[in-house]
Amino acid sequence: ARALVGSGEPAMRARLSGDFAPCGMAVVDFDIAHWRDVGFGSGRLD
């Protein structure tokens, strides 16, 4: 999750800095049309 996220609200990104809590969820959006184009740093943490 940390590797995928390149943008998003700083406070929310800071919460992502540790390990996920049990059943914790990160929702990451990509402004692209094809999954094959996803790369590290290309996601926005919603």
ModelCIF file with pLDDT and N, C-alpha, C, O atoms, coordinates in Angstrom:
data_MODEL
#
_entry.id   MODEL 
#
_entity.id                         1 
_entity.type                       polymer 
_entity.pdbx_number_of_molecules   1 
#
_entity_poly.entity_id                      1 
_entity_poly.type                           'polypeptide(L)' 
_entity_poly.nstd_linkage                   no 
_entity_poly.nstd_monomer                   no 
_entity_poly.pdbx_seq_one_letter_code       ARALVGSGEPAMRARLSGDFAPCGMAVVDFDIAHWRDVGFGSGRLD 
_entity_poly.pdbx_seq_one_letter_code_can   ARALVGSGEPAMRARLSGDFAPCGMAVVDFDIAHWRDVGFGSGRLD 
_entity_poly.pdbx_strand_id                 A 
#
loop_
_entity_poly_seq.entity_id 
_entity_poly_seq.num 
_entity_poly_seq.mon_id 
_entity_poly_seq.hetero 
1 1  ALA n 
1 2  ARG n 
1 3  ALA n 
1 4  LEU n 
1 5  VAL n 
1 6  GLY n 
1 7  SER n 
1 8  GLY n 
1 9  GLU n 
1 10 PRO n 
1 11 ALA n 
1 12 MET n 
1 13 ARG n 
1 14 ALA n 
1 15 ARG n 
1 16 LEU n 
1 17 SER n 
1 18 GLY n 
1 19 ASP n 
1 20 PHE n 
1 21 ALA n 
1 22 PRO n 
1 23 CYS n 
1 24 GLY n 
1 25 MET n 
1 26 ALA n 
1 27 VAL n 
1 28 VAL n 
1 29 ASP n 
1 30 PHE n 
1 31 ASP n 
1 32 ILE n 
1 33 ALA n 
1 34 HIS n 
1 35 TRP n 
1 36 ARG n 
1 37 ASP n 
1 38 VAL n 
1 39 GLY n 
1 40 PHE n 
1 41 GLY n 
1 42 SER n 
1 43 GLY n 
1 44 ARG n 
1 45 LEU n 
1 46 ASP n 
#
_struct_asym.id          A 
_struct_asym.entity_id   1 
#
loop_
_ma_qa_metric.id 
_ma_qa_metric.mode 
_ma_qa_metric.name 
_ma_qa_metric.software_group_id 
_ma_qa_metric.type 
1 global pLDDT . pLDDT 
2 local  pLDDT . pLDDT 
#
_ma_qa_metric_global.metric_id      1 
_ma_qa_metric_global.metric_value   95.57 
_ma_qa_metric_global.model_id       1 
_ma_qa_metric_global.ordinal_id     1 
#
loop_
_ma_qa_metric_local.label_asym_id 
_ma_qa_metric_local.label_comp_id 
_ma_qa_metric_local.label_seq_id 
_ma_qa_metric_local.metric_id 
_ma_qa_metric_local.metric_value 
_ma_qa_metric_local.model_id 
_ma_qa_metric_local.ordinal_id 
A ALA 1  2 97.00 1 1  
A ARG 2  2 96.00 1 2  
A ALA 3  2 97.00 1 3  
A LEU 4  2 98.00 1 4  
A VAL 5  2 97.00 1 5  
A GLY 6  2 96.00 1 6  
A SER 7  2 96.00 1 7  
A GLY 8  2 95.00 1 8  
A GLU 9  2 94.00 1 9  
A PRO 10 2 94.00 1 10 
A ALA 11 2 91.00 1 11 
A MET 12 2 91.00 1 12 
A ARG 13 2 93.00 1 13 
A ALA 14 2 92.00 1 14 
A ARG 15 2 90.00 1 15 
A LEU 16 2 90.00 1 16 
A SER 17 2 87.00 1 17 
A GLY 18 2 87.00 1 18 
A ASP 19 2 91.00 1 19 
A PHE 20 2 94.00 1 20 
A ALA 21 2 95.00 1 21 
A PRO 22 2 97.00 1 22 
A CYS 23 2 97.00 1 23 
A GLY 24 2 97.00 1 24 
A MET 25 2 97.00 1 25 
A ALA 26 2 98.00 1 26 
A VAL 27 2 98.00 1 27 
A VAL 28 2 98.00 1 28 
A ASP 29 2 98.00 1 29 
A PHE 30 2 98.00 1 30 
A ASP 31 2 97.00 1 31 
A ILE 32 2 97.00 1 32 
A ALA 33 2 96.00 1 33 
A HIS 34 2 98.00 1 34 
A TRP 35 2 98.00 1 35 
A ARG 36 2 97.00 1 36 
A ASP 37 2 97.00 1 37 
A VAL 38 2 97.00 1 38 
A GLY 39 2 97.00 1 39 
A PHE 40 2 98.00 1 40 
A GLY 41 2 97.00 1 41 
A SER 42 2 97.00 1 42 
A GLY 43 2 98.00 1 43 
A ARG 44 2 98.00 1 44 
A LEU 45 2 98.00 1 45 
A ASP 46 2 97.00 1 46 
#
loop_
_atom_site.group_PDB 
_atom_site.id 
_atom_site.type_symbol 
_atom_site.label_atom_id 
_atom_site.label_alt_id 
_atom_site.label_comp_id 
_atom_site.label_asym_id 
_atom_site.label_entity_id 
_atom_site.label_seq_id 
_atom_site.pdbx_PDB_ins_code 
_atom_site.Cartn_x 
_atom_site.Cartn_y 
_atom_site.Cartn_z 
_atom_site.occupancy 
_atom_site.B_iso_or_equiv 
_atom_site.pdbx_formal_charge 
_atom_site.auth_seq_id 
_atom_site.auth_comp_id 
_atom_site.auth_asym_id 
_atom_site.auth_atom_id 
_atom_site.pdbx_PDB_model_num 
ATOM 1   N N  . ALA A 1 1  ? 0.839   -1.207 0.000   1.00 97.00 ? 1  ALA A N  1 
ATOM 2   C CA . ALA A 1 1  ? 0.000   0.000  0.000   1.00 97.00 ? 1  ALA A CA 1 
ATOM 3   C C  . ALA A 1 1  ? 0.868   1.249  0.000   1.00 97.00 ? 1  ALA A C  1 
ATOM 4   O O  . ALA A 1 1  ? 0.632   2.171  -0.781  1.00 97.00 ? 1  ALA A O  1 
ATOM 5   N N  . ARG A 1 2  ? 1.859   1.285  0.861   1.00 96.00 ? 2  ARG A N  1 
ATOM 6   C CA . ARG A 1 2  ? 2.737   2.466  0.919   1.00 96.00 ? 2  ARG A CA 1 
ATOM 7   C C  . ARG A 1 2  ? 3.471   2.683  -0.401  1.00 96.00 ? 2  ARG A C  1 
ATOM 8   O O  . ARG A 1 2  ? 3.657   3.823  -0.826  1.00 96.00 ? 2  ARG A O  1 
ATOM 9   N N  . ALA A 1 3  ? 3.886   1.606  -1.048  1.00 97.00 ? 3  ALA A N  1 
ATOM 10  C CA . ALA A 1 3  ? 4.604   1.724  -2.321  1.00 97.00 ? 3  ALA A CA 1 
ATOM 11  C C  . ALA A 1 3  ? 3.697   2.241  -3.435  1.00 97.00 ? 3  ALA A C  1 
ATOM 12  O O  . ALA A 1 3  ? 4.152   2.981  -4.307  1.00 97.00 ? 3  ALA A O  1 
ATOM 13  N N  . LEU A 1 4  ? 2.428   1.862  -3.415  1.00 98.00 ? 4  LEU A N  1 
ATOM 14  C CA . LEU A 1 4  ? 1.500   2.294  -4.462  1.00 98.00 ? 4  LEU A CA 1 
ATOM 15  C C  . LEU A 1 4  ? 1.116   3.760  -4.353  1.00 98.00 ? 4  LEU A C  1 
ATOM 16  O O  . LEU A 1 4  ? 0.909   4.431  -5.364  1.00 98.00 ? 4  LEU A O  1 
ATOM 17  N N  . VAL A 1 5  ? 1.021   4.257  -3.119  1.00 97.00 ? 5  VAL A N  1 
ATOM 18  C CA . VAL A 1 5  ? 0.482   5.588  -2.882  1.00 97.00 ? 5  VAL A CA 1 
ATOM 19  C C  . VAL A 1 5  ? 1.534   6.659  -3.155  1.00 97.00 ? 5  VAL A C  1 
ATOM 20  O O  . VAL A 1 5  ? 2.613   6.667  -2.562  1.00 97.00 ? 5  VAL A O  1 
ATOM 21  N N  . GLY A 1 6  ? 1.183   7.566  -4.075  1.00 96.00 ? 6  GLY A N  1 
ATOM 22  C CA . GLY A 1 6  ? 2.047   8.696  -4.386  1.00 96.00 ? 6  GLY A CA 1 
ATOM 23  C C  . GLY A 1 6  ? 1.426   10.019 -3.989  1.00 96.00 ? 6  GLY A C  1 
ATOM 24  O O  . GLY A 1 6  ? 2.103   11.046 -3.956  1.00 96.00 ? 6  GLY A O  1 
ATOM 25  N N  . SER A 1 7  ? 0.121   9.994  -3.684  1.00 96.00 ? 7  SER A N  1 
ATOM 26  C CA . SER A 1 7  ? -0.558  11.227 -3.299  1.00 96.00 ? 7  SER A CA 1 
ATOM 27  C C  . SER A 1 7  ? -1.736  10.895 -2.392  1.00 96.00 ? 7  SER A C  1 
ATOM 28  O O  . SER A 1 7  ? -2.089  9.734  -2.187  1.00 96.00 ? 7  SER A O  1 
ATOM 29  N N  . GLY A 1 8  ? -2.318  11.938 -1.869  1.00 95.00 ? 8  GLY A N  1 
ATOM 30  C CA . GLY A 1 8  ? -3.442  11.806 -0.947  1.00 95.00 ? 8  GLY A CA 1 
ATOM 31  C C  . GLY A 1 8  ? -3.236  12.742 0.229   1.00 95.00 ? 8  GLY A C  1 
ATOM 32  O O  . GLY A 1 8  ? -2.166  13.330 0.388   1.00 95.00 ? 8  GLY A O  1 
ATOM 33  N N  . GLU A 1 9  ? -4.250  12.873 1.037   1.00 94.00 ? 9  GLU A N  1 
ATOM 34  C CA . GLU A 1 9  ? -4.192  13.761 2.190   1.00 94.00 ? 9  GLU A CA 1 
ATOM 35  C C  . GLU A 1 9  ? -3.019  13.363 3.089   1.00 94.00 ? 9  GLU A C  1 
ATOM 36  O O  . GLU A 1 9  ? -2.909  12.198 3.471   1.00 94.00 ? 9  GLU A O  1 
ATOM 37  N N  . PRO A 1 10 ? -2.137  14.315 3.435   1.00 94.00 ? 10 PRO A N  1 
ATOM 38  C CA . PRO A 1 10 ? -0.950  13.988 4.231   1.00 94.00 ? 10 PRO A CA 1 
ATOM 39  C C  . PRO A 1 10 ? -1.253  13.274 5.556   1.00 94.00 ? 10 PRO A C  1 
ATOM 40  O O  . PRO A 1 10 ? -0.540  12.341 5.924   1.00 94.00 ? 10 PRO A O  1 
ATOM 41  N N  . ALA A 1 11 ? -2.288  13.696 6.267   1.00 91.00 ? 11 ALA A N  1 
ATOM 42  C CA . ALA A 1 11 ? -2.610  13.058 7.545   1.00 91.00 ? 11 ALA A CA 1 
ATOM 43  C C  . ALA A 1 11 ? -3.039  11.606 7.332   1.00 91.00 ? 11 ALA A C  1 
ATOM 44  O O  . ALA A 1 11 ? -2.693  10.727 8.122   1.00 91.00 ? 11 ALA A O  1 
ATOM 45  N N  . MET A 1 12 ? -3.782  11.367 6.277   1.00 91.00 ? 12 MET A N  1 
ATOM 46  C CA . MET A 1 12 ? -4.216  9.998  5.973   1.00 91.00 ? 12 MET A CA 1 
ATOM 47  C C  . MET A 1 12 ? -3.017  9.156  5.561   1.00 91.00 ? 12 MET A C  1 
ATOM 48  O O  . MET A 1 12 ? -2.895  8.003  5.974   1.00 91.00 ? 12 MET A O  1 
ATOM 49  N N  . ARG A 1 13 ? -2.142  9.722  4.759   1.00 93.00 ? 13 ARG A N  1 
ATOM 50  C CA . ARG A 1 13 ? -0.934  8.991  4.345   1.00 93.00 ? 13 ARG A CA 1 
ATOM 51  C C  . ARG A 1 13 ? -0.054  8.681  5.553   1.00 93.00 ? 13 ARG A C  1 
ATOM 52  O O  . ARG A 1 13 ? 0.576   7.624  5.601   1.00 93.00 ? 13 ARG A O  1 
ATOM 53  N N  . ALA A 1 14 ? -0.005  9.571  6.511   1.00 92.00 ? 14 ALA A N  1 
ATOM 54  C CA . ALA A 1 14 ? 0.782   9.332  7.718   1.00 92.00 ? 14 ALA A CA 1 
ATOM 55  C C  . ALA A 1 14 ? 0.228   8.139  8.496   1.00 92.00 ? 14 ALA A C  1 
ATOM 56  O O  . ALA A 1 14 ? 0.994   7.368  9.074   1.00 92.00 ? 14 ALA A O  1 
ATOM 57  N N  . ARG A 1 15 ? -1.088  7.983  8.516   1.00 90.00 ? 15 ARG A N  1 
ATOM 58  C CA . ARG A 1 15 ? -1.700  6.841  9.215   1.00 90.00 ? 15 ARG A CA 1 
ATOM 59  C C  . ARG A 1 15 ? -1.330  5.527  8.537   1.00 90.00 ? 15 ARG A C  1 
ATOM 60  O O  . ARG A 1 15 ? -1.364  4.469  9.166   1.00 90.00 ? 15 ARG A O  1 
ATOM 61  N N  . LEU A 1 16 ? -0.981  5.593  7.267   1.00 90.00 ? 16 LEU A N  1 
ATOM 62  C CA . LEU A 1 16 ? -0.623  4.400  6.505   1.00 90.00 ? 16 LEU A CA 1 
ATOM 63  C C  . LEU A 1 16 ? 0.839   4.004  6.743   1.00 90.00 ? 16 LEU A C  1 
ATOM 64  O O  . LEU A 1 16 ? 1.304   3.005  6.195   1.00 90.00 ? 16 LEU A O  1 
ATOM 65  N N  . SER A 1 17 ? 1.551   4.766  7.541   1.00 87.00 ? 17 SER A N  1 
ATOM 66  C CA . SER A 1 17 ? 2.983   4.544  7.693   1.00 87.00 ? 17 SER A CA 1 
ATOM 67  C C  . SER A 1 17 ? 3.343   3.256  8.437   1.00 87.00 ? 17 SER A C  1 
ATOM 68  O O  . SER A 1 17 ? 4.452   2.750  8.268   1.00 87.00 ? 17 SER A O  1 
ATOM 69  N N  . GLY A 1 18 ? 2.453   2.723  9.240   1.00 87.00 ? 18 GLY A N  1 
ATOM 70  C CA . GLY A 1 18 ? 2.738   1.484  9.970   1.00 87.00 ? 18 GLY A CA 1 
ATOM 71  C C  . GLY A 1 18 ? 2.069   0.284  9.325   1.00 87.00 ? 18 GLY A C  1 
ATOM 72  O O  . GLY A 1 18 ? 1.545   0.371  8.215   1.00 87.00 ? 18 GLY A O  1 
ATOM 73  N N  . ASP A 1 19 ? 2.094   -0.827 10.025  1.00 91.00 ? 19 ASP A N  1 
ATOM 74  C CA . ASP A 1 19 ? 1.404   -2.025 9.543   1.00 91.00 ? 19 ASP A CA 1 
ATOM 75  C C  . ASP A 1 19 ? -0.099  -1.855 9.665   1.00 91.00 ? 19 ASP A C  1 
ATOM 76  O O  . ASP A 1 19 ? -0.585  -1.152 10.550  1.00 91.00 ? 19 ASP A O  1 
ATOM 77  N N  . PHE A 1 20 ? -0.828  -2.501 8.774   1.00 94.00 ? 20 PHE A N  1 
ATOM 78  C CA . PHE A 1 20 ? -2.288  -2.478 8.820   1.00 94.00 ? 20 PHE A CA 1 
ATOM 79  C C  . PHE A 1 20 ? -2.781  -3.125 10.113  1.00 94.00 ? 20 PHE A C  1 
ATOM 80  O O  . PHE A 1 20 ? -2.252  -4.149 10.545  1.00 94.00 ? 20 PHE A O  1 
ATOM 81  N N  . ALA A 1 21 ? -3.789  -2.523 10.719  1.00 95.00 ? 21 ALA A N  1 
ATOM 82  C CA . ALA A 1 21 ? -4.495  -3.160 11.828  1.00 95.00 ? 21 ALA A CA 1 
ATOM 83  C C  . ALA A 1 21 ? -5.265  -4.357 11.267  1.00 95.00 ? 21 ALA A C  1 
ATOM 84  O O  . ALA A 1 21 ? -5.557  -4.389 10.072  1.00 95.00 ? 21 ALA A O  1 
ATOM 85  N N  . PRO A 1 22 ? -5.598  -5.337 12.103  1.00 97.00 ? 22 PRO A N  1 
ATOM 86  C CA . PRO A 1 22 ? -6.440  -6.432 11.599  1.00 97.00 ? 22 PRO A CA 1 
ATOM 87  C C  . PRO A 1 22 ? -7.719  -5.880 10.971  1.00 97.00 ? 22 PRO A C  1 
ATOM 88  O O  . PRO A 1 22 ? -8.435  -5.092 11.590  1.00 97.00 ? 22 PRO A O  1 
ATOM 89  N N  . CYS A 1 23 ? -7.992  -6.289 9.770   1.00 97.00 ? 23 CYS A N  1 
ATOM 90  C CA . CYS A 1 23 ? -9.143  -5.876 8.955   1.00 97.00 ? 23 CYS A CA 1 
ATOM 91  C C  . CYS A 1 23 ? -9.084  -4.395 8.571   1.00 97.00 ? 23 CYS A C  1 
ATOM 92  O O  . CYS A 1 23 ? -10.085 -3.821 8.142   1.00 97.00 ? 23 CYS A O  1 
ATOM 93  N N  . GLY A 1 24 ? -7.904  -3.778 8.725   1.00 97.00 ? 24 GLY A N  1 
ATOM 94  C CA . GLY A 1 24 ? -7.708  -2.419 8.246   1.00 97.00 ? 24 GLY A CA 1 
ATOM 95  C C  . GLY A 1 24 ? -7.742  -2.412 6.723   1.00 97.00 ? 24 GLY A C  1 
ATOM 96  O O  . GLY A 1 24 ? -7.353  -3.385 6.077   1.00 97.00 ? 24 GLY A O  1 
ATOM 97  N N  . MET A 1 25 ? -8.213  -1.302 6.161   1.00 97.00 ? 25 MET A N  1 
ATOM 98  C CA . MET A 1 25 ? -8.374  -1.202 4.707   1.00 97.00 ? 25 MET A CA 1 
ATOM 99  C C  . MET A 1 25 ? -7.847  0.117  4.173   1.00 97.00 ? 25 MET A C  1 
ATOM 100 O O  . MET A 1 25 ? -8.113  1.188  4.718   1.00 97.00 ? 25 MET A O  1 
ATOM 101 N N  . ALA A 1 26 ? -7.093  0.006  3.095   1.00 98.00 ? 26 ALA A N  1 
ATOM 102 C CA . ALA A 1 26 ? -6.663  1.185  2.346   1.00 98.00 ? 26 ALA A CA 1 
ATOM 103 C C  . ALA A 1 26 ? -7.409  1.173  1.020   1.00 98.00 ? 26 ALA A C  1 
ATOM 104 O O  . ALA A 1 26 ? -7.444  0.156  0.327   1.00 98.00 ? 26 ALA A O  1 
ATOM 105 N N  . VAL A 1 27 ? -7.997  2.297  0.674   1.00 98.00 ? 27 VAL A N  1 
ATOM 106 C CA . VAL A 1 27 ? -8.671  2.455  -0.614  1.00 98.00 ? 27 VAL A CA 1 
ATOM 107 C C  . VAL A 1 27 ? -7.786  3.375  -1.442  1.00 98.00 ? 27 VAL A C  1 
ATOM 108 O O  . VAL A 1 27 ? -7.561  4.532  -1.087  1.00 98.00 ? 27 VAL A O  1 
ATOM 109 N N  . VAL A 1 28 ? -7.289  2.838  -2.554  1.00 98.00 ? 28 VAL A N  1 
ATOM 110 C CA . VAL A 1 28 ? -6.340  3.550  -3.403  1.00 98.00 ? 28 VAL A CA 1 
ATOM 111 C C  . VAL A 1 28 ? -6.950  3.711  -4.792  1.00 98.00 ? 28 VAL A C  1 
ATOM 112 O O  . VAL A 1 28 ? -7.380  2.734  -5.406  1.00 98.00 ? 28 VAL A O  1 
ATOM 113 N N  . ASP A 1 29 ? -6.985  4.937  -5.279  1.00 98.00 ? 29 ASP A N  1 
ATOM 114 C CA . ASP A 1 29 ? -7.536  5.229  -6.599  1.00 98.00 ? 29 ASP A CA 1 
ATOM 115 C C  . ASP A 1 29 ? -6.410  5.500  -7.592  1.00 98.00 ? 29 ASP A C  1 
ATOM 116 O O  . ASP A 1 29 ? -5.372  6.063  -7.247  1.00 98.00 ? 29 ASP A O  1 
ATOM 117 N N  . PHE A 1 30 ? -6.649  5.080  -8.837  1.00 98.00 ? 30 PHE A N  1 
ATOM 118 C CA . PHE A 1 30 ? -5.690  5.285  -9.917  1.00 98.00 ? 30 PHE A CA 1 
ATOM 119 C C  . PHE A 1 30 ? -6.413  5.985  -11.059 1.00 98.00 ? 30 PHE A C  1 
ATOM 120 O O  . PHE A 1 30 ? -7.457  5.519  -11.514 1.00 98.00 ? 30 PHE A O  1 
ATOM 121 N N  . ASP A 1 31 ? -5.871  7.086  -11.515 1.00 97.00 ? 31 ASP A N  1 
ATOM 122 C CA . ASP A 1 31 ? -6.482  7.857  -12.594 1.00 97.00 ? 31 ASP A CA 1 
ATOM 123 C C  . ASP A 1 31 ? -5.964  7.329  -13.937 1.00 97.00 ? 31 ASP A C  1 
ATOM 124 O O  . ASP A 1 31 ? -5.326  8.049  -14.706 1.00 97.00 ? 31 ASP A O  1 
ATOM 125 N N  . ILE A 1 32 ? -6.257  6.059  -14.190 1.00 97.00 ? 32 ILE A N  1 
ATOM 126 C CA . ILE A 1 32 ? -5.850  5.379  -15.420 1.00 97.00 ? 32 ILE A CA 1 
ATOM 127 C C  . ILE A 1 32 ? -6.972  4.435  -15.830 1.00 97.00 ? 32 ILE A C  1 
ATOM 128 O O  . ILE A 1 32 ? -7.903  4.199  -15.059 1.00 97.00 ? 32 ILE A O  1 
ATOM 129 N N  . ALA A 1 33 ? -6.885  3.896  -17.039 1.00 96.00 ? 33 ALA A N  1 
ATOM 130 C CA . ALA A 1 33 ? -7.928  3.005  -17.552 1.00 96.00 ? 33 ALA A CA 1 
ATOM 131 C C  . ALA A 1 33 ? -7.535  1.531  -17.535 1.00 96.00 ? 33 ALA A C  1 
ATOM 132 O O  . ALA A 1 33 ? -8.399  0.660  -17.642 1.00 96.00 ? 33 ALA A O  1 
ATOM 133 N N  . HIS A 1 34 ? -6.252  1.245  -17.402 1.00 98.00 ? 34 HIS A N  1 
ATOM 134 C CA . HIS A 1 34 ? -5.780  -0.137 -17.525 1.00 98.00 ? 34 HIS A CA 1 
ATOM 135 C C  . HIS A 1 34 ? -4.958  -0.538 -16.307 1.00 98.00 ? 34 HIS A C  1 
ATOM 136 O O  . HIS A 1 34 ? -4.027  0.168  -15.918 1.00 98.00 ? 34 HIS A O  1 
ATOM 137 N N  . TRP A 1 35 ? -5.301  -1.666 -15.711 1.00 98.00 ? 35 TRP A N  1 
ATOM 138 C CA . TRP A 1 35 ? -4.563  -2.175 -14.561 1.00 98.00 ? 35 TRP A CA 1 
ATOM 139 C C  . TRP A 1 35 ? -3.087  -2.407 -14.900 1.00 98.00 ? 35 TRP A C  1 
ATOM 140 O O  . TRP A 1 35 ? -2.219  -2.259 -14.039 1.00 98.00 ? 35 TRP A O  1 
ATOM 141 N N  . ARG A 1 36 ? -2.813  -2.760 -16.123 1.00 97.00 ? 36 ARG A N  1 
ATOM 142 C CA . ARG A 1 36 ? -1.420  -3.036 -16.507 1.00 97.00 ? 36 ARG A CA 1 
ATOM 143 C C  . ARG A 1 36 ? -0.540  -1.796 -16.382 1.00 97.00 ? 36 ARG A C  1 
ATOM 144 O O  . ARG A 1 36 ? 0.685   -1.911 -16.343 1.00 97.00 ? 36 ARG A O  1 
ATOM 145 N N  . ASP A 1 37 ? -1.156  -0.600 -16.318 1.00 97.00 ? 37 ASP A N  1 
ATOM 146 C CA . ASP A 1 37 ? -0.406  0.647  -16.228 1.00 97.00 ? 37 ASP A CA 1 
ATOM 147 C C  . ASP A 1 37 ? -0.158  1.114  -14.797 1.00 97.00 ? 37 ASP A C  1 
ATOM 148 O O  . ASP A 1 37 ? 0.495   2.136  -14.587 1.00 97.00 ? 37 ASP A O  1 
ATOM 149 N N  . VAL A 1 38 ? -0.672  0.374  -13.806 1.00 97.00 ? 38 VAL A N  1 
ATOM 150 C CA . VAL A 1 38 ? -0.452  0.748  -12.416 1.00 97.00 ? 38 VAL A CA 1 
ATOM 151 C C  . VAL A 1 38 ? 1.025   0.562  -12.080 1.00 97.00 ? 38 VAL A C  1 
ATOM 152 O O  . VAL A 1 38 ? 1.637   -0.441 -12.447 1.00 97.00 ? 38 VAL A O  1 
ATOM 153 N N  . GLY A 1 39 ? 1.579   1.532  -11.383 1.00 97.00 ? 39 GLY A N  1 
ATOM 154 C CA . GLY A 1 39 ? 2.969   1.444  -10.947 1.00 97.00 ? 39 GLY A CA 1 
ATOM 155 C C  . GLY A 1 39 ? 3.095   1.962  -9.530  1.00 97.00 ? 39 GLY A C  1 
ATOM 156 O O  . GLY A 1 39 ? 2.185   2.607  -9.008  1.00 97.00 ? 39 GLY A O  1 
ATOM 157 N N  . PHE A 1 40 ? 4.216   1.679  -8.920  1.00 98.00 ? 40 PHE A N  1 
ATOM 158 C CA . PHE A 1 40 ? 4.472   2.207  -7.588  1.00 98.00 ? 40 PHE A CA 1 
ATOM 159 C C  . PHE A 1 40 ? 4.458   3.728  -7.640  1.00 98.00 ? 40 PHE A C  1 
ATOM 160 O O  . PHE A 1 40 ? 5.039   4.334  -8.540  1.00 98.00 ? 40 PHE A O  1 
ATOM 161 N N  . GLY A 1 41 ? 3.795   4.332  -6.674  1.00 97.00 ? 41 GLY A N  1 
ATOM 162 C CA . GLY A 1 41 ? 3.697   5.786  -6.598  1.00 97.00 ? 41 GLY A CA 1 
ATOM 163 C C  . GLY A 1 41 ? 2.601   6.381  -7.455  1.00 97.00 ? 41 GLY A C  1 
ATOM 164 O O  . GLY A 1 41 ? 2.438   7.601  -7.467  1.00 97.00 ? 41 GLY A O  1 
ATOM 165 N N  . SER A 1 42 ? 1.832   5.556  -8.182  1.00 97.00 ? 42 SER A N  1 
ATOM 166 C CA . SER A 1 42 ? 0.822   6.091  -9.102  1.00 97.00 ? 42 SER A CA 1 
ATOM 167 C C  . SER A 1 42 ? -0.568  6.221  -8.480  1.00 97.00 ? 42 SER A C  1 
ATOM 168 O O  . SER A 1 42 ? -1.478  6.746  -9.123  1.00 97.00 ? 42 SER A O  1 
ATOM 169 N N  . GLY A 1 43 ? -0.747  5.763  -7.264  1.00 98.00 ? 43 GLY A N  1 
ATOM 170 C CA . GLY A 1 43 ? -2.064  5.796  -6.638  1.00 98.00 ? 43 GLY A CA 1 
ATOM 171 C C  . GLY A 1 43 ? -2.265  6.994  -5.728  1.00 98.00 ? 43 GLY A C  1 
ATOM 172 O O  . GLY A 1 43 ? -1.315  7.598  -5.230  1.00 98.00 ? 43 GLY A O  1 
ATOM 173 N N  . ARG A 1 44 ? -3.533  7.312  -5.530  1.00 98.00 ? 44 ARG A N  1 
ATOM 174 C CA . ARG A 1 44 ? -3.932  8.359  -4.578  1.00 98.00 ? 44 ARG A CA 1 
ATOM 175 C C  . ARG A 1 44 ? -4.690  7.677  -3.453  1.00 98.00 ? 44 ARG A C  1 
ATOM 176 O O  . ARG A 1 44 ? -5.696  7.009  -3.692  1.00 98.00 ? 44 ARG A O  1 
ATOM 177 N N  . LEU A 1 45 ? -4.207  7.843  -2.221  1.00 98.00 ? 45 LEU A N  1 
ATOM 178 C CA . LEU A 1 45 ? -4.880  7.247  -1.072  1.00 98.00 ? 45 LEU A CA 1 
ATOM 179 C C  . LEU A 1 45 ? -6.182  7.990  -0.815  1.00 98.00 ? 45 LEU A C  1 
ATOM 180 O O  . LEU A 1 45 ? -6.177  9.168  -0.458  1.00 98.00 ? 45 LEU A O  1 
ATOM 181 N N  . ASP A 1 46 ? -7.286  7.299  -0.997  1.00 97.00 ? 46 ASP A N  1 
ATOM 182 C CA . ASP A 1 46 ? -8.599  7.873  -0.719  1.00 97.00 ? 46 ASP A CA 1 
ATOM 183 C C  . ASP A 1 46 ? -8.880  7.823  0.778   1.00 97.00 ? 46 ASP A C  1 
ATOM 184 O O  . ASP A 1 46 ? -9.942  8.261  1.221   1.00 97.00 ? 46 ASP A O  1 
#
